[in-house]
Amino acid sequence: MDNNQISINRIDLRSRGIPPENARSAVDGLGEAVMQNLVRQGVLISGQRIQLGDINLERLSLTKVGDAMEIRSEIARAIAQEIAVRIGRK
């Protein structure tokens, strides 16, 4: 996993009802969470470099809006899914 590199220009995500401090906490460690999702899905090949443009996540469904870990997990899952689709592995 350490040899892989994914470059994303911009991620668009709008939030409603999430306190700013929870949103900030949710993005801490987001890159690692995305990589873990991709490894779990078997999407990454060792040493792979992926260059993506913009990602628009639109609307995510959350059960616990105040839980930064759940927010991070759902964002990471959505980003990993979009990456898998774009590189043709899903």
Protein backbone atom coordinates (compact mmCIF):
# COMPACT_ATOMS: atom_id res chain seq x y z
CA MET A 1 0.00 0.00 0.00
CA ASP A 2 2.91 2.40 0.64
CA ASN A 3 4.04 2.36 -3.00
CA ASN A 4 0.72 3.55 -4.41
CA GLN A 5 -0.09 7.13 -5.27
CA ILE A 6 -3.49 8.61 -6.02
CA SER A 7 -3.80 12.25 -7.06
CA ILE A 8 -7.20 13.93 -6.99
CA ASN A 9 -7.56 17.54 -8.09
CA ARG A 10 -10.64 18.38 -6.05
CA ILE A 11 -13.37 16.63 -4.09
CA ASP A 12 -16.77 18.32 -3.99
CA LEU A 13 -18.89 17.47 -0.99
CA ARG A 14 -21.57 19.56 0.59
CA SER A 15 -22.63 19.01 4.15
CA ARG A 16 -25.77 19.97 5.96
CA GLY A 17 -26.21 19.70 9.70
CA ILE A 18 -22.64 18.60 10.42
CA PRO A 19 -20.85 20.77 12.97
CA PRO A 20 -17.67 22.31 11.47
CA GLU A 21 -15.40 20.67 14.07
CA ASN A 22 -16.82 17.24 13.20
CA ALA A 23 -16.31 17.89 9.49
CA ARG A 24 -12.67 18.86 10.11
CA SER A 25 -12.11 15.78 12.28
CA ALA A 26 -13.70 13.60 9.60
CA VAL A 27 -11.15 14.58 6.96
CA ASP A 28 -8.16 13.93 9.23
CA GLY A 29 -6.83 10.56 8.09
CA LEU A 30 -9.14 10.45 5.06
CA GLY A 31 -6.35 9.48 2.66
CA GLU A 32 -5.42 6.43 4.71
CA ALA A 33 -9.08 5.43 5.00
CA VAL A 34 -9.48 5.66 1.21
CA MET A 35 -6.39 3.52 0.63
CA GLN A 36 -7.64 0.92 3.11
CA ASN A 37 -10.97 0.77 1.27
CA LEU A 38 -9.22 0.30 -2.07
CA VAL A 39 -6.99 -2.46 -0.69
CA ARG A 40 -10.00 -4.20 0.87
CA GLN A 41 -11.80 -4.10 -2.49
CA GLY A 42 -8.73 -5.46 -4.27
CA VAL A 43 -8.62 -2.39 -6.53
CA LEU A 44 -4.98 -1.40 -6.09
CA ILE A 45 -2.01 -3.03 -7.73
CA SER A 46 1.31 -2.53 -5.92
CA GLY A 47 3.16 0.56 -7.14
CA GLN A 48 0.13 1.90 -8.98
CA ARG A 49 -0.15 5.64 -9.71
CA ILE A 50 -3.61 7.02 -10.39
CA GLN A 51 -4.30 10.58 -11.57
CA LEU A 52 -7.92 11.71 -11.29
CA GLY A 53 -9.58 15.02 -11.97
CA ASP A 54 -12.43 16.21 -9.79
CA ILE A 55 -14.71 13.95 -7.77
CA ASN A 56 -18.24 15.04 -6.93
CA LEU A 57 -19.61 12.93 -4.08
CA GLU A 58 -23.01 14.60 -4.18
CA ARG A 59 -25.09 13.38 -1.23
CA LEU A 60 -24.01 10.79 1.32
CA SER A 61 -26.35 9.02 3.73
CA LEU A 62 -25.25 9.11 7.34
CA THR A 63 -26.95 7.57 10.35
CA LYS A 64 -24.95 9.52 12.95
CA VAL A 65 -24.35 13.05 11.65
CA GLY A 66 -22.28 13.99 14.69
CA ASP A 67 -19.87 11.04 14.48
CA ALA A 68 -16.63 12.10 12.72
CA MET A 69 -15.48 8.48 12.33
CA GLU A 70 -18.70 7.53 10.51
CA ILE A 71 -18.44 10.61 8.32
CA ARG A 72 -14.81 9.73 7.43
CA SER A 73 -15.73 6.12 6.75
CA GLU A 74 -18.60 7.04 4.44
CA ILE A 75 -16.58 9.66 2.55
CA ALA A 76 -13.70 7.18 2.16
CA ARG A 77 -16.07 4.49 0.91
CA ALA A 78 -17.60 6.86 -1.66
CA ILE A 79 -14.20 8.07 -2.89
CA ALA A 80 -12.88 4.50 -3.16
CA GLN A 81 -15.98 3.47 -5.12
CA GLU A 82 -15.54 6.39 -7.53
CA ILE A 83 -11.85 5.54 -8.01
CA ALA A 84 -12.70 1.88 -8.69
CA VAL A 85 -15.29 2.89 -11.29
CA ARG A 86 -12.95 5.34 -13.01
CA ILE A 87 -10.08 2.90 -13.32
CA GLY A 88 -12.42 0.15 -14.50
CA ARG A 89 -12.14 -2.24 -11.60
CA LYS A 90 -15.70 -2.18 -10.33
